[in-house]
C-alpha atoms as a PDB file:
ATOM      1  CA  MET A   1     -29.149   2.425  16.450  1.00  0.00           C
ATOM      2  CA  LEU A   2     -25.753   4.748  16.706  1.00  0.00           C
ATOM      3  CA  PHE A   3     -23.983   1.358  17.253  1.00  0.00           C
ATOM      4  CA  ALA A   4     -25.986  -0.474  14.125  1.00  0.00           C
ATOM      5  CA  THR A   5     -25.404   2.728  11.587  1.00  0.00           C
ATOM      6  CA  ILE A   6     -21.616   2.414  12.227  1.00  0.00           C
ATOM      7  CA  ALA A   7     -21.042  -1.336  12.398  1.00  0.00           C
ATOM      8  CA  LEU A   8     -23.224  -1.152   9.173  1.00  0.00           C
ATOM      9  CA  GLY A   9     -20.613   1.881   7.957  1.00  0.00           C
ATOM     10  CA  LEU A  10     -17.635  -0.241   8.591  1.00  0.00           C
ATOM     11  CA  LEU A  11     -19.235  -3.191   6.551  1.00  0.00           C
ATOM     12  CA  ILE A  12     -19.873  -1.165   3.655  1.00  0.00           C
ATOM     13  CA  GLY A  13     -16.298   0.257   3.849  1.00  0.00           C
ATOM     14  CA  LEU A  14     -14.662  -2.927   4.113  1.00  0.00           C
ATOM     15  CA  ALA A  15     -15.891  -4.510   1.323  1.00  0.00           C
ATOM     16  CA  LEU A  16     -15.791  -1.354  -0.973  1.00  0.00           C
ATOM     17  CA  GLY A  17     -11.995  -1.308   0.102  1.00  0.00           C
ATOM     18  CA  ALA A  18     -10.678  -4.662  -0.579  1.00  0.00           C
ATOM     19  CA  LEU A  19     -13.207  -5.785  -3.879  1.00  0.00           C
ATOM     20  CA  GLY A  20     -12.930  -2.348  -5.101  1.00  0.00           C
ATOM     21  CA  GLY A  21     -16.997  -2.122  -5.779  1.00  0.00           C
ATOM     22  CA  GLY A  22     -19.757  -3.950  -4.382  1.00  0.00           C
ATOM     23  CA  GLY A  23     -20.378  -3.024  -0.635  1.00  0.00           C
ATOM     24  CA  SER A  24     -21.810   0.106  -1.777  1.00  0.00           C
ATOM     25  CA  ILE A  25     -24.760  -1.953  -3.156  1.00  0.00           C
ATOM     26  CA  LEU A  26     -25.794  -2.696   0.316  1.00  0.00           C
ATOM     27  CA  THR A  27     -25.751   0.252   1.441  1.00  0.00           C
ATOM     28  CA  VAL A  28     -29.291   1.558   0.308  1.00  0.00           C
ATOM     29  CA  PRO A  29     -31.141  -1.863   2.074  1.00  0.00           C
ATOM     30  CA  ALA A  30     -29.104  -1.086   5.418  1.00  0.00           C
ATOM     31  CA  LEU A  31     -30.760   2.579   5.344  1.00  0.00           C
ATOM     32  CA  VAL A  32     -33.764   1.645   4.378  1.00  0.00           C
ATOM     33  CA  TYR A  33     -34.868  -1.779   6.016  1.00  0.00           C
ATOM     34  CA  VAL A  34     -31.942  -1.319   9.361  1.00  0.00           C
ATOM     35  CA  LEU A  35     -31.900   2.381   9.805  1.00  0.00           C
ATOM     36  CA  GLY A  36     -35.508   3.005   8.638  1.00  0.00           C
ATOM     37  CA  GLU A  37     -35.049   5.840   6.108  1.00  0.00           C
ATOM     38  CA  PRO A  38     -37.511   6.586   2.888  1.00  0.00           C
ATOM     39  CA  VAL A  39     -36.312   5.083  -0.336  1.00  0.00           C
ATOM     40  CA  ARG A  40     -35.769   8.081  -2.019  1.00  0.00           C
ATOM     41  CA  THR A  41     -33.596   9.815   0.597  1.00  0.00           C
ATOM     42  CA  ALA A  42     -31.438   6.081   0.901  1.00  0.00           C
ATOM     43  CA  THR A  43     -30.684   6.240  -2.231  1.00  0.00           C
ATOM     44  CA  THR A  44     -29.361   9.696  -2.090  1.00  0.00           C
ATOM     45  CA  GLU A  45     -27.629   9.477   1.219  1.00  0.00           C
ATOM     46  CA  SER A  46     -26.036   6.581   0.004  1.00  0.00           C
ATOM     47  CA  LEU A  47     -24.105   8.851  -2.556  1.00  0.00           C
ATOM     48  CA  VAL A  48     -22.644  10.749   0.103  1.00  0.00           C
ATOM     49  CA  ILE A  49     -21.697   7.610   1.703  1.00  0.00           C
ATOM     50  CA  VAL A  50     -20.185   5.864  -0.631  1.00  0.00           C
ATOM     51  CA  GLY A  51     -18.709   8.840  -2.767  1.00  0.00           C
ATOM     52  CA  VAL A  52     -16.708   9.841   0.931  1.00  0.00           C
ATOM     53  CA  ALA A  53     -15.485   5.764   1.230  1.00  0.00           C
ATOM     54  CA  ALA A  54     -14.471   5.609  -2.591  1.00  0.00           C
ATOM     55  CA  VAL A  55     -12.076   8.970  -2.526  1.00  0.00           C
ATOM     56  CA  ALA A  56     -10.513   7.582   0.830  1.00  0.00           C
ATOM     57  CA  GLY A  57     -10.271   4.426  -1.080  1.00  0.00           C
ATOM     58  CA  THR A  58      -9.027   5.941  -4.141  1.00  0.00           C
ATOM     59  CA  VAL A  59      -6.175   7.905  -2.077  1.00  0.00           C
ATOM     60  CA  ALA A  60      -5.476   4.825  -0.100  1.00  0.00           C
ATOM     61  CA  HIS A  61      -4.779   2.821  -3.356  1.00  0.00           C
ATOM     62  CA  SER A  62      -3.013   5.609  -5.581  1.00  0.00           C
ATOM     63  CA  ARG A  63       0.057   5.718  -2.902  1.00  0.00           C
ATOM     64  CA  ALA A  64       0.355   2.275  -3.873  1.00  0.00           C
ATOM     65  CA  GLY A  65       0.341   3.149  -7.731  1.00  0.00           C
ATOM     66  CA  HIS A  66      -2.875   0.732  -8.359  1.00  0.00           C
ATOM     67  CA  VAL A  67      -4.729   4.084  -9.816  1.00  0.00           C
ATOM     68  CA  ARG A  68      -4.708   4.974 -13.275  1.00  0.00           C
ATOM     69  CA  TRP A  69      -6.217   8.725 -13.417  1.00  0.00           C
ATOM     70  CA  GLY A  70      -6.651   8.872 -17.195  1.00  0.00           C
ATOM     71  CA  PRO A  71      -8.539   6.532 -18.109  1.00  0.00           C
ATOM     72  CA  GLY A  72     -10.648   6.437 -14.609  1.00  0.00           C
ATOM     73  CA  VAL A  73     -11.514  10.053 -15.190  1.00  0.00           C
ATOM     74  CA  ALA A  74     -12.620   9.418 -18.693  1.00  0.00           C
ATOM     75  CA  PHE A  75     -14.572   6.135 -17.684  1.00  0.00           C
ATOM     76  CA  GLY A  76     -16.519   8.566 -14.917  1.00  0.00           C
ATOM     77  CA  LEU A  77     -16.986  11.426 -17.453  1.00  0.00           C
ATOM     78  CA  ALA A  78     -18.668   8.916 -19.827  1.00  0.00           C
ATOM     79  CA  GLY A  79     -21.172   8.234 -17.251  1.00  0.00           C
ATOM     80  CA  VAL A  80     -21.831  11.708 -16.029  1.00  0.00           C
ATOM     81  CA  ALA A  81     -25.102  12.389 -18.688  1.00  0.00           C
ATOM     82  CA  ALA A  82     -26.378   9.269 -17.820  1.00  0.00           C
ATOM     83  CA  SER A  83     -26.499   9.655 -13.983  1.00  0.00           C
ATOM     84  CA  TYR A  84     -28.473  12.703 -14.162  1.00  0.00           C
ATOM     85  CA  ALA A  85     -31.231  10.512 -16.171  1.00  0.00           C
ATOM     86  CA  GLY A  86     -31.231   7.877 -13.762  1.00  0.00           C
ATOM     87  CA  THR A  87     -31.773  10.558 -11.516  1.00  0.00           C
ATOM     88  CA  ALA A  88     -34.424  11.923 -13.009  1.00  0.00           C
ATOM     89  CA  VAL A  89     -36.504   8.322 -13.621  1.00  0.00           C
ATOM     90  CA  ASN A  90     -35.626   7.578 -10.082  1.00  0.00           C
ATOM     91  CA  GLY A  91     -38.201  10.392  -9.083  1.00  0.00           C
ATOM     92  CA  ARG A  92     -40.864   8.798 -11.056  1.00  0.00           C
ATOM     93  CA  VAL A  93     -40.454   5.285 -10.143  1.00  0.00           C
ATOM     94  CA  ASP A  94     -42.832   4.159  -7.130  1.00  0.00           C
ATOM     95  CA  ALA A  95     -40.768   3.005  -4.216  1.00  0.00           C
ATOM     96  CA  ASN A  96     -41.557  -0.547  -3.611  1.00  0.00           C
ATOM     97  CA  LEU A  97     -40.796  -1.093  -7.512  1.00  0.00           C
ATOM     98  CA  LEU A  98     -37.685   0.682  -7.313  1.00  0.00           C
ATOM     99  CA  LEU A  99     -36.792  -1.643  -4.529  1.00  0.00           C
ATOM    100  CA  LEU A 100     -37.834  -4.716  -6.331  1.00  0.00           C
ATOM    101  CA  ALA A 101     -35.510  -3.424  -9.477  1.00  0.00           C
ATOM    102  CA  PHE A 102     -33.070  -2.685  -6.648  1.00  0.00           C
ATOM    103  CA  ALA A 103     -33.074  -6.571  -5.609  1.00  0.00           C
ATOM    104  CA  GLY A 104     -33.027  -7.713  -9.315  1.00  0.00           C
ATOM    105  CA  LEU A 105     -29.722  -5.117  -9.714  1.00  0.00           C
ATOM    106  CA  MET A 106     -28.402  -7.553  -6.163  1.00  0.00           C
ATOM    107  CA  ALA A 107     -29.499 -10.552  -7.891  1.00  0.00           C
ATOM    108  CA  ALA A 108     -27.339  -9.728 -10.769  1.00  0.00           C
ATOM    109  CA  ALA A 109     -24.182  -8.391  -9.102  1.00  0.00           C
ATOM    110  CA  GLY A 110     -23.681 -11.669  -7.321  1.00  0.00           C
ATOM    111  CA  VAL A 111     -24.293 -13.468 -10.408  1.00  0.00           C
ATOM    112  CA  ALA A 112     -21.492 -11.495 -12.082  1.00  0.00           C
ATOM    113  CA  MET A 113     -19.279 -12.121  -8.711  1.00  0.00           C
ATOM    114  CA  ALA A 114     -20.065 -15.574  -9.094  1.00  0.00           C
ATOM    115  CA  VAL A 115     -18.805 -15.672 -12.863  1.00  0.00           C
ATOM    116  CA  ARG A 116     -15.817 -13.717 -11.880  1.00  0.00           C
ATOM    117  CA  ARG A 117     -14.707 -15.941  -9.288  1.00  0.00           C
ATOM    118  CA  SER A 118     -15.358 -18.726 -11.300  1.00  0.00           C
ATOM    119  CA  GLY A 119     -12.968 -17.681 -13.836  1.00  0.00           C
ATOM    120  CA  SER A 120     -10.538 -16.550 -11.106  1.00  0.00           C
ATOM    121  CA  PRO A 121      -6.538 -17.040 -12.008  1.00  0.00           C
ATOM    122  CA  ALA A 122      -6.722 -18.875  -8.768  1.00  0.00           C
ATOM    123  CA  GLN A 123      -8.895 -21.947 -10.358  1.00  0.00           C
ATOM    124  CA  ALA A 124      -7.258 -21.502 -14.230  1.00  0.00           C
ATOM    125  CA  PRO A 125      -4.415 -23.708 -14.663  1.00  0.00           C
ATOM    126  CA  GLU A 126      -0.809 -22.752 -15.295  1.00  0.00           C
ATOM    127  CA  VAL A 127       0.625 -23.494 -18.211  1.00  0.00           C
ATOM    128  CA  TYR A 128       3.841 -21.413 -18.169  1.00  0.00           C
ATOM    129  CA  PRO A 129       6.664 -21.890 -15.786  1.00  0.00           C
ATOM    130  CA  PRO A 130       6.460 -19.105 -13.402  1.00  0.00           C
ATOM    131  CA  ARG A 131       9.754 -16.294 -13.620  1.00  0.00           C
ATOM    132  CA  ASP A 132      12.622 -16.669 -10.760  1.00  0.00           C
ATOM    133  CA  ALA A 133      10.266 -13.624  -9.187  1.00  0.00           C
ATOM    134  CA  ASP A 134       6.987 -15.322  -8.829  1.00  0.00           C
ATOM    135  CA  THR A 135       9.005 -18.856  -8.132  1.00  0.00           C
ATOM    136  CA  ALA A 136      10.605 -17.050  -5.079  1.00  0.00           C
ATOM    137  CA  ASN A 137       7.660 -15.615  -4.078  1.00  0.00           C
ATOM    138  CA  LEU A 138       5.779 -19.079  -3.869  1.00  0.00           C
ATOM    139  CA  ARG A 139       8.274 -20.334  -1.519  1.00  0.00           C
ATOM    140  CA  LEU A 140       7.068 -17.512   0.940  1.00  0.00           C
ATOM    141  CA  HIS A 141       4.721 -18.857   3.401  1.00  0.00           C
ATOM    142  CA  SER A 142       2.012 -15.977   3.391  1.00  0.00           C
ATOM    143  CA  ALA A 143      -0.748 -16.505   1.620  1.00  0.00           C
ATOM    144  CA  PRO A 144      -1.352 -12.968  -0.210  1.00  0.00           C
ATOM    145  CA  ALA A 145       2.389 -13.834  -1.484  1.00  0.00           C
ATOM    146  CA  ARG A 146       1.668 -16.798  -3.091  1.00  0.00           C
ATOM    147  CA  ALA A 147      -1.613 -15.655  -4.278  1.00  0.00           C
ATOM    148  CA  SER A 148      -0.133 -12.397  -6.128  1.00  0.00           C
ATOM    149  CA  ALA A 149       2.271 -14.974  -7.455  1.00  0.00           C
ATOM    150  CA  ALA A 150      -0.515 -17.090  -9.260  1.00  0.00           C
ATOM    151  CA  VAL A 151      -1.999 -14.027 -10.427  1.00  0.00           C
ATOM    152  CA  ALA A 152       0.944 -12.626 -12.323  1.00  0.00           C
ATOM    153  CA  THR A 153       1.769 -15.864 -13.735  1.00  0.00           C
ATOM    154  CA  VAL A 154      -1.930 -16.982 -15.252  1.00  0.00           C
ATOM    155  CA  GLU A 155      -1.929 -13.351 -16.330  1.00  0.00           C
ATOM    156  CA  ARG A 156       0.999 -13.579 -18.368  1.00  0.00           C
ATOM    157  CA  THR A 157      -0.393 -17.027 -19.089  1.00  0.00           C
ATOM    158  CA  LEU A 158      -3.889 -15.256 -20.582  1.00  0.00           C
ATOM    159  CA  SER A 159      -1.495 -12.934 -22.188  1.00  0.00           C
ATOM    160  CA  ARG A 160       0.982 -15.146 -24.332  1.00  0.00           C
ATOM    161  CA  ALA A 161      -2.542 -17.228 -25.198  1.00  0.00           C
ATOM    162  CA  SER A 162      -4.174 -14.150 -26.624  1.00  0.00           C
ATOM    163  CA  GLU A 163      -0.909 -13.260 -28.454  1.00  0.00           C
ATOM    164  CA  ALA A 164      -0.863 -16.255 -30.057  1.00  0.00           C
ATOM    165  CA  THR A 165      -4.465 -16.301 -30.877  1.00  0.00           C
ATOM    166  CA  VAL A 166      -4.337 -16.946 -35.006  1.00  0.00           C
ATOM    167  CA  ALA A 167      -7.409 -15.757 -37.300  1.00  0.00           C
ATOM    168  CA  GLU A 168      -8.791 -17.572 -40.093  1.00  0.00           C
ATOM    169  CA  ASN A 169      -6.367 -16.090 -42.578  1.00  0.00           C
ATOM    170  CA  GLY A 170      -3.570 -17.146 -40.466  1.00  0.00           C
ATOM    171  CA  HIS A 171      -2.246 -14.104 -39.042  1.00  0.00           C
ATOM    172  CA  PRO A 172      -2.445 -13.237 -35.600  1.00  0.00           C
ATOM    173  CA  THR A 173      -5.176 -11.403 -34.151  1.00  0.00           C
ATOM    174  CA  ALA A 174      -5.016  -8.561 -31.828  1.00  0.00           C
ATOM    175  CA  ARG A 175      -7.559  -6.830 -29.645  1.00  0.00           C
ATOM    176  CA  ARG A 176      -8.228  -3.247 -31.338  1.00  0.00           C
ATOM    177  CA  PRO A 177      -7.808  -0.265 -29.215  1.00  0.00           C
ATOM    178  CA  ALA A 178     -10.943   1.017 -30.632  1.00  0.00           C
ATOM    179  CA  ASP A 179     -12.865  -2.620 -29.423  1.00  0.00           C
ATOM    180  CA  GLY A 180     -11.840  -1.672 -25.485  1.00  0.00           C
ATOM    181  CA  MET A 181     -12.789   1.912 -26.074  1.00  0.00           C
ATOM    182  CA  VAL A 182     -16.029   1.022 -26.794  1.00  0.00           C
ATOM    183  CA  MET A 183     -16.352  -1.260 -24.149  1.00  0.00           C
ATOM    184  CA  ILE A 184     -15.816   1.441 -21.345  1.00  0.00           C
ATOM    185  CA  LEU A 185     -17.677   3.973 -22.591  1.00  0.00           C
ATOM    186  CA  SER A 186     -20.891   1.820 -22.911  1.00  0.00           C
ATOM    187  CA  ALA A 187     -19.762   0.644 -19.460  1.00  0.00           C
ATOM    188  CA  GLY A 188     -19.528   3.995 -18.087  1.00  0.00           C
ATOM    189  CA  VAL A 189     -22.581   5.002 -19.151  1.00  0.00           C
ATOM    190  CA  ALA A 190     -24.264   2.377 -17.759  1.00  0.00           C
ATOM    191  CA  VAL A 191     -22.778   2.725 -14.514  1.00  0.00           C
ATOM    192  CA  GLY A 192     -23.865   6.364 -14.752  1.00  0.00           C
ATOM    193  CA  PHE A 193     -27.170   5.526 -14.978  1.00  0.00           C
ATOM    194  CA  LEU A 194     -26.805   2.707 -12.059  1.00  0.00           C
ATOM    195  CA  THR A 195     -25.437   5.515  -9.997  1.00  0.00           C
ATOM    196  CA  GLY A 196     -28.315   7.715 -10.484  1.00  0.00           C
ATOM    197  CA  PHE A 197     -31.223   5.839 -10.336  1.00  0.00           C
ATOM    198  CA  PHE A 198     -30.280   3.101  -7.187  1.00  0.00           C
ATOM    199  CA  GLY A 199     -26.967   5.620  -5.654  1.00  0.00           C
ATOM    200  CA  VAL A 200     -24.944   2.647  -5.952  1.00  0.00           C
ATOM    201  CA  GLY A 201     -21.181   3.139  -7.171  1.00  0.00           C
ATOM    202  CA  GLY A 202     -21.354  -0.302  -9.538  1.00  0.00           C
ATOM    203  CA  GLY A 203     -17.940  -1.127  -8.902  1.00  0.00           C
ATOM    204  CA  PHE A 204     -19.268  -4.665  -9.854  1.00  0.00           C
ATOM    205  CA  VAL A 205     -19.290  -3.813 -13.656  1.00  0.00           C
ATOM    206  CA  ILE A 206     -16.675  -1.284 -13.429  1.00  0.00           C
ATOM    207  CA  VAL A 207     -13.896  -3.819 -12.007  1.00  0.00           C
ATOM    208  CA  PRO A 208     -14.739  -6.628 -14.633  1.00  0.00           C
ATOM    209  CA  ALA A 209     -14.912  -4.296 -17.626  1.00  0.00           C
ATOM    210  CA  LEU A 210     -10.887  -2.562 -16.919  1.00  0.00           C
ATOM    211  CA  VAL A 211      -9.799  -6.160 -16.578  1.00  0.00           C
ATOM    212  CA  MET A 212     -11.369  -7.209 -20.080  1.00  0.00           C
ATOM    213  CA  ALA A 213     -10.941  -3.984 -21.803  1.00  0.00           C
ATOM    214  CA  LEU A 214      -8.159  -2.661 -20.644  1.00  0.00           C
ATOM    215  CA  ARG A 215      -6.345  -5.802 -19.283  1.00  0.00           C
ATOM    216  CA  TYR A 216      -5.607  -4.358 -16.112  1.00  0.00           C
ATOM    217  CA  ARG A 217      -4.464  -6.569 -13.329  1.00  0.00           C
ATOM    218  CA  MET A 218      -6.799  -6.614 -10.055  1.00  0.00           C
ATOM    219  CA  PRO A 219      -5.188  -4.163  -7.937  1.00  0.00           C
ATOM    220  CA  ALA A 220      -5.345  -1.273 -10.940  1.00  0.00           C
ATOM    221  CA  ALA A 221      -8.908  -2.360 -11.937  1.00  0.00           C
ATOM    222  CA  VAL A 222      -9.937  -2.157  -7.685  1.00  0.00           C
ATOM    223  CA  GLY A 223      -8.165   1.266  -7.261  1.00  0.00           C
ATOM    224  CA  THR A 224      -9.259   3.042 -10.492  1.00  0.00           C
ATOM    225  CA  SER A 225     -12.600   1.419  -9.784  1.00  0.00           C
ATOM    226  CA  LEU A 226     -12.979   3.344  -6.604  1.00  0.00           C
ATOM    227  CA  LEU A 227     -11.610   6.665  -8.657  1.00  0.00           C
ATOM    228  CA  ILE A 228     -15.028   6.139 -10.836  1.00  0.00           C
ATOM    229  CA  ILE A 229     -17.413   5.625  -8.110  1.00  0.00           C
ATOM    230  CA  ALA A 230     -16.467   8.847  -6.888  1.00  0.00           C
ATOM    231  CA  VAL A 231     -16.656  10.770  -9.764  1.00  0.00           C
ATOM    232  CA  ASN A 232     -19.936   9.167 -10.578  1.00  0.00           C
ATOM    233  CA  SER A 233     -21.055   9.815  -6.974  1.00  0.00           C
ATOM    234  CA  ALA A 234     -20.314  13.376  -7.157  1.00  0.00           C
ATOM    235  CA  ALA A 235     -22.383  13.982 -10.649  1.00  0.00           C
ATOM    236  CA  ALA A 236     -25.333  11.906  -9.172  1.00  0.00           C
ATOM    237  CA  LEU A 237     -25.272  13.863  -5.891  1.00  0.00           C
ATOM    238  CA  SER A 238     -24.840  17.029  -7.610  1.00  0.00           C
ATOM    239  CA  ALA A 239     -28.604  16.334  -9.703  1.00  0.00           C
ATOM    240  CA  ARG A 240     -30.285  16.002  -6.086  1.00  0.00           C
ATOM    241  CA  ILE A 241     -28.583  18.797  -4.210  1.00  0.00           C
ATOM    242  CA  GLY A 242     -31.926  20.754  -3.019  1.00  0.00           C
ATOM    243  CA  HIS A 243     -34.483  18.197  -3.657  1.00  0.00           C
ATOM    244  CA  VAL A 244     -33.565  16.318  -0.214  1.00  0.00           C
ATOM    245  CA  THR A 245     -33.297  16.519   3.459  1.00  0.00           C
ATOM    246  CA  PHE A 246     -30.277  14.840   4.796  1.00  0.00           C
ATOM    247  CA  HIS A 247     -30.181  13.445   7.986  1.00  0.00           C
ATOM    248  CA  TRP A 248     -26.997  14.159   9.290  1.00  0.00           C
ATOM    249  CA  SER A 249     -26.935  13.061  12.818  1.00  0.00           C
ATOM    250  CA  LEU A 250     -27.205   9.114  10.568  1.00  0.00           C
ATOM    251  CA  LEU A 251     -25.479  10.151   7.660  1.00  0.00           C
ATOM    252  CA  ILE A 252     -22.479  11.602   9.128  1.00  0.00           C
ATOM    253  CA  PRO A 253     -21.148   8.501  11.781  1.00  0.00           C
ATOM    254  CA  PHE A 254     -22.188   6.169   9.079  1.00  0.00           C
ATOM    255  CA  ALA A 255     -19.948   8.218   6.573  1.00  0.00           C
ATOM    256  CA  LEU A 256     -17.241   8.051   8.872  1.00  0.00           C
ATOM    257  CA  ALA A 257     -17.622   4.704   9.782  1.00  0.00           C
ATOM    258  CA  ALA A 258     -17.247   3.766   5.620  1.00  0.00           C
ATOM    259  CA  LEU A 259     -14.482   6.087   5.334  1.00  0.00           C
ATOM    260  CA  ALA A 260     -12.061   4.080   8.057  1.00  0.00           C
ATOM    261  CA  GLY A 261     -13.409   0.664   6.270  1.00  0.00           C
ATOM    262  CA  SER A 262     -12.485   1.503   3.228  1.00  0.00           C
ATOM    263  CA  LEU A 263      -8.840   2.639   3.973  1.00  0.00           C
ATOM    264  CA  THR A 264      -8.688  -0.820   6.100  1.00  0.00           C
ATOM    265  CA  GLY A 265     -10.160  -2.449   3.511  1.00  0.00           C
ATOM    266  CA  ARG A 266      -6.641  -2.858   1.486  1.00  0.00           C
ATOM    267  CA  ARG A 267      -5.192  -4.600   4.482  1.00  0.00           C
ATOM    268  CA  VAL A 268      -8.026  -7.164   4.665  1.00  0.00           C
ATOM    269  CA  ALA A 269      -7.521  -7.695   1.177  1.00  0.00           C
ATOM    270  CA  ASP A 270      -3.820  -8.569   1.751  1.00  0.00           C
ATOM    271  CA  ALA A 271      -4.939 -10.709   4.563  1.00  0.00           C
ATOM    272  CA  VAL A 272      -7.844 -12.687   3.443  1.00  0.00           C
ATOM    273  CA  PRO A 273      -7.809 -14.772   0.002  1.00  0.00           C
ATOM    274  CA  ALA A 274      -9.887 -12.659  -2.468  1.00  0.00           C
ATOM    275  CA  ALA A 275     -11.893 -15.914  -3.292  1.00  0.00           C
ATOM    276  CA  THR A 276     -12.958 -16.335   0.290  1.00  0.00           C
ATOM    277  CA  LEU A 277     -13.903 -12.749   0.480  1.00  0.00           C
ATOM    278  CA  SER A 278     -15.830 -12.648  -2.851  1.00  0.00           C
ATOM    279  CA  ARG A 279     -17.599 -16.015  -1.987  1.00  0.00           C
ATOM    280  CA  ALA A 280     -18.691 -14.502   1.378  1.00  0.00           C
ATOM    281  CA  PHE A 281     -20.084 -10.927   0.041  1.00  0.00           C
ATOM    282  CA  THR A 282     -21.795 -13.051  -2.963  1.00  0.00           C
ATOM    283  CA  VAL A 283     -23.884 -15.102  -0.538  1.00  0.00           C
ATOM    284  CA  MET A 284     -24.789 -12.334   1.481  1.00  0.00           C
ATOM    285  CA  LEU A 285     -25.696 -10.104  -2.043  1.00  0.00           C
ATOM    286  CA  PHE A 286     -28.242 -12.982  -2.521  1.00  0.00           C
ATOM    287  CA  ALA A 287     -29.171 -13.124   0.728  1.00  0.00           C
ATOM    288  CA  VAL A 288     -30.046  -9.472   0.837  1.00  0.00           C
ATOM    289  CA  ALA A 289     -31.801  -9.424  -2.500  1.00  0.00           C
ATOM    290  CA  GLY A 290     -34.161 -12.268  -1.814  1.00  0.00           C
ATOM    291  CA  TYR A 291     -35.044 -10.351   1.579  1.00  0.00           C
ATOM    292  CA  MET A 292     -35.858  -6.994  -0.567  1.00  0.00           C
ATOM    293  CA  ALA A 293     -38.078  -8.811  -3.195  1.00  0.00           C
ATOM    294  CA  LEU A 294     -39.962 -10.524  -0.842  1.00  0.00           C
ATOM    295  CA  ARG A 295     -40.563  -7.391   1.114  1.00  0.00           C
ATOM    296  CA  SER A 296     -41.201  -5.061  -1.903  1.00  0.00           C
ATOM    297  CA  GLY A 297     -43.311  -7.883  -3.542  1.00  0.00           C
ATOM    298  CA  LEU A 298     -45.443  -8.478  -1.312  1.00  0.00           C
ATOM    299  CA  ALA A 299     -46.448  -4.627  -0.642  1.00  0.00           C
ATOM    300  CA  LEU A 300     -46.697  -4.200  -4.101  1.00  0.00           C
ATOM    301  CA  THR A 301     -49.182  -7.042  -4.568  1.00  0.00           C
ATOM    302  CA  GLY A 302     -51.209  -6.124  -1.040  1.00  0.00           C
END
């Protein structure tokens, strides 16, 4: 049991640190189906595990300058009240129905990651020639260097294309700051509710929101996402303190393993192509979602 606990913690921490989210969504099914925890206890213990891993990942990404503290804290605070609401609803839902809904959430996360991958810079055409620095990077033999240069090139392409967009009246249009703020606040509320209800971090929602609304590059989106997950996890956990008994003999090794995994996640992301990581994780999400839906569906109908 201890070996399984540590292995699961490492896997979830690695996914969280490498992808900036998504790993936490595996915590609850791992606790319920592999380690035998009750559903509501698992959703609470998940908050501890995910929160610890997210804090460690935030520190690691901050050292590289990939955390935007102001927007990250604002995003997280936007979901605090929603996380309390999600916690209240969690206690009123049948355990098997909760797991069935969780399976739907995992499937949605898988779809979101697949869509993000299909529209990722690695598959977008290069319209503008790269800068000299990017050209030098492309000559390097390391896959991470080539990928980084390709991302930078396509981001400039998208930025120039956006600046060149012309409205019907013939004048260039620009994204209004208010539009981005509304999107961030809306995403913050949605993620806060998901964190309180399911015990997940919601990184699969946070990262795309930061990229689309604030136009963050992926390293900054990943690092800032971990900060937001830490804030939301702390808020949701505070609403549950005193209402659940923690199994510390299981929780501590799981959390420490997740912590170690999140610290090395960034190195994994540098060594393995992002598309490969995302594809493997997406397949895993669909597989686990299918298993959860089958088990919880049979329990509800039986």
